Amino acid sequence: MAVPKQRKGRMSTRARRSANDRIAAPSRSICPQCGEVKLPHRVCPNCGYYKDREVLETE
C-alpha cells in the first residue's frame, strides 16, 4: 500500500480544504412585474406577484 514519505504541511491541507468550504451566494432573478431583484421561485417581496398573478397584497 502506498504511504507518503513525508507529512504534508498544515498550509497545504488547509489550502486544499478551503476550496470546498466557500459559501456560494444565492442565485438571483428579476421580477417580470416590477423589475426588482428577488430569489427564484419565490413571491416578489416588492410587488407581491408570483408567476404573473398577485399572491400578496402590497400597498
N, C-alpha and C. Protein backbone atom coordinates (compact mmCIF):
# COMPACT_ATOMS: atom_id res chain seq x y z
N MET A 1 0.84 -1.18 0.00
CA MET A 1 0.00 0.00 0.00
C MET A 1 0.89 1.24 0.00
N ALA A 2 0.50 2.26 -0.75
CA ALA A 2 1.31 3.47 -0.85
C ALA A 2 1.21 4.28 0.43
N VAL A 3 2.36 4.75 0.88
CA VAL A 3 2.45 5.55 2.09
C VAL A 3 3.27 6.80 1.77
N PRO A 4 2.83 8.00 2.19
CA PRO A 4 3.59 9.19 1.91
C PRO A 4 4.94 9.16 2.63
N LYS A 5 5.98 9.65 1.95
CA LYS A 5 7.31 9.66 2.57
C LYS A 5 7.44 10.77 3.60
N GLN A 6 6.73 11.89 3.35
CA GLN A 6 6.79 12.99 4.32
C GLN A 6 5.40 13.52 4.58
N ARG A 7 5.25 14.09 5.75
CA ARG A 7 3.97 14.63 6.16
C ARG A 7 3.68 15.92 5.39
N LYS A 8 2.42 16.08 4.98
CA LYS A 8 2.01 17.32 4.32
C LYS A 8 1.88 18.42 5.37
N GLY A 9 2.25 19.63 4.96
CA GLY A 9 2.18 20.76 5.87
C GLY A 9 0.75 21.19 6.13
N ARG A 10 0.57 21.94 7.19
CA ARG A 10 -0.75 22.43 7.57
C ARG A 10 -1.29 23.39 6.51
N MET A 11 -0.41 24.17 5.91
CA MET A 11 -0.84 25.14 4.90
C MET A 11 -1.39 24.44 3.66
N SER A 12 -0.73 23.38 3.24
CA SER A 12 -1.22 22.65 2.07
C SER A 12 -2.57 22.02 2.33
N THR A 13 -2.75 21.46 3.52
CA THR A 13 -4.01 20.82 3.86
C THR A 13 -5.13 21.84 3.91
N ARG A 14 -4.89 22.95 4.56
CA ARG A 14 -5.93 23.96 4.70
C ARG A 14 -6.24 24.65 3.38
N ALA A 15 -5.25 24.82 2.52
CA ALA A 15 -5.49 25.43 1.22
C ALA A 15 -6.37 24.51 0.36
N ARG A 16 -6.15 23.21 0.45
CA ARG A 16 -6.96 22.27 -0.32
C ARG A 16 -8.39 22.25 0.21
N ARG A 17 -8.56 22.28 1.50
CA ARG A 17 -9.90 22.22 2.09
C ARG A 17 -10.68 23.51 1.88
N SER A 18 -9.98 24.63 1.81
CA SER A 18 -10.68 25.91 1.74
C SER A 18 -11.45 26.07 0.43
N ALA A 19 -11.05 25.39 -0.62
CA ALA A 19 -11.76 25.49 -1.90
C ALA A 19 -13.16 24.91 -1.78
N ASN A 20 -13.37 23.93 -0.93
CA ASN A 20 -14.67 23.31 -0.76
C ASN A 20 -15.51 23.97 0.32
N ASP A 21 -14.90 24.83 1.13
CA ASP A 21 -15.62 25.45 2.24
C ASP A 21 -16.23 26.79 1.88
N ARG A 22 -16.05 27.26 0.66
CA ARG A 22 -16.57 28.56 0.28
C ARG A 22 -18.09 28.51 0.23
N ILE A 23 -18.68 29.58 0.69
CA ILE A 23 -20.14 29.69 0.68
C ILE A 23 -20.55 30.41 -0.61
N ALA A 24 -21.38 29.77 -1.38
CA ALA A 24 -21.83 30.37 -2.64
C ALA A 24 -22.97 31.35 -2.36
N ALA A 25 -22.97 32.47 -3.06
CA ALA A 25 -24.04 33.44 -2.92
C ALA A 25 -25.33 32.88 -3.54
N PRO A 26 -26.47 33.18 -2.94
CA PRO A 26 -27.71 32.65 -3.52
C PRO A 26 -27.98 33.26 -4.89
N SER A 27 -28.56 32.46 -5.78
CA SER A 27 -28.85 32.96 -7.12
C SER A 27 -29.98 33.98 -7.06
N ARG A 28 -29.99 34.88 -8.00
CA ARG A 28 -30.99 35.95 -8.03
C ARG A 28 -31.68 35.96 -9.39
N SER A 29 -32.91 36.40 -9.40
CA SER A 29 -33.63 36.59 -10.66
C SER A 29 -34.34 37.94 -10.60
N ILE A 30 -34.85 38.37 -11.73
CA ILE A 30 -35.51 39.67 -11.82
C ILE A 30 -37.01 39.45 -11.95
N CYS A 31 -37.75 40.20 -11.18
CA CYS A 31 -39.22 40.10 -11.21
C CYS A 31 -39.72 40.68 -12.54
N PRO A 32 -40.55 39.93 -13.27
CA PRO A 32 -41.06 40.45 -14.55
C PRO A 32 -42.06 41.59 -14.39
N GLN A 33 -42.68 41.72 -13.21
CA GLN A 33 -43.67 42.78 -13.00
C GLN A 33 -43.02 44.13 -12.68
N CYS A 34 -42.14 44.13 -11.65
CA CYS A 34 -41.59 45.41 -11.19
C CYS A 34 -40.11 45.58 -11.51
N GLY A 35 -39.41 44.52 -11.90
CA GLY A 35 -38.01 44.62 -12.27
C GLY A 35 -37.05 44.56 -11.10
N GLU A 36 -37.54 44.31 -9.90
CA GLU A 36 -36.67 44.22 -8.73
C GLU A 36 -35.98 42.86 -8.69
N VAL A 37 -34.88 42.80 -7.97
CA VAL A 37 -34.15 41.54 -7.80
C VAL A 37 -34.82 40.74 -6.70
N LYS A 38 -35.03 39.44 -6.97
CA LYS A 38 -35.67 38.56 -5.99
C LYS A 38 -35.07 37.18 -6.08
N LEU A 39 -35.38 36.34 -5.10
CA LEU A 39 -34.95 34.95 -5.13
C LEU A 39 -35.82 34.19 -6.12
N PRO A 40 -35.25 33.24 -6.87
CA PRO A 40 -36.05 32.50 -7.84
C PRO A 40 -37.08 31.58 -7.17
N HIS A 41 -38.20 31.39 -7.81
CA HIS A 41 -39.30 30.52 -7.36
C HIS A 41 -39.90 31.00 -6.04
N ARG A 42 -39.90 32.32 -5.83
CA ARG A 42 -40.49 32.88 -4.63
C ARG A 42 -41.28 34.13 -4.99
N VAL A 43 -42.21 34.49 -4.11
CA VAL A 43 -43.01 35.68 -4.32
C VAL A 43 -42.11 36.90 -4.22
N CYS A 44 -42.33 37.86 -5.10
CA CYS A 44 -41.55 39.10 -5.07
C CYS A 44 -41.93 39.89 -3.82
N PRO A 45 -40.97 40.24 -2.96
CA PRO A 45 -41.32 40.99 -1.76
C PRO A 45 -41.71 42.43 -2.05
N ASN A 46 -41.38 42.93 -3.24
CA ASN A 46 -41.68 44.32 -3.57
C ASN A 46 -43.12 44.48 -4.06
N CYS A 47 -43.53 43.66 -5.03
CA CYS A 47 -44.86 43.84 -5.62
C CYS A 47 -45.85 42.73 -5.23
N GLY A 48 -45.38 41.59 -4.72
CA GLY A 48 -46.28 40.53 -4.28
C GLY A 48 -46.75 39.60 -5.38
N TYR A 49 -46.11 39.64 -6.55
CA TYR A 49 -46.51 38.79 -7.67
C TYR A 49 -45.65 37.52 -7.73
N TYR A 50 -46.27 36.44 -8.19
CA TYR A 50 -45.57 35.19 -8.46
C TYR A 50 -46.23 34.54 -9.66
N LYS A 51 -45.46 34.27 -10.71
CA LYS A 51 -45.95 33.67 -11.95
C LYS A 51 -47.14 34.43 -12.52
N ASP A 52 -46.97 35.72 -12.72
CA ASP A 52 -47.95 36.60 -13.37
C ASP A 52 -49.29 36.70 -12.65
N ARG A 53 -49.32 36.46 -11.36
CA ARG A 53 -50.55 36.71 -10.61
C ARG A 53 -50.19 37.22 -9.22
N GLU A 54 -51.06 38.03 -8.66
CA GLU A 54 -50.80 38.64 -7.36
C GLU A 54 -51.10 37.63 -6.27
N VAL A 55 -50.12 37.39 -5.42
CA VAL A 55 -50.27 36.43 -4.33
C VAL A 55 -50.40 37.17 -3.01
N LEU A 56 -49.60 38.23 -2.84
CA LEU A 56 -49.66 39.05 -1.62
C LEU A 56 -50.15 40.44 -1.98
N GLU A 57 -50.99 40.97 -1.13
CA GLU A 57 -51.45 42.33 -1.34
C GLU A 57 -50.40 43.28 -0.78
N THR A 58 -49.94 44.22 -1.60
CA THR A 58 -48.99 45.23 -1.15
C THR A 58 -49.62 46.58 -1.29
N GLU A 59 -49.05 47.55 -0.62
CA GLU A 59 -49.61 48.90 -0.61
C GLU A 59 -49.41 49.63 -1.90
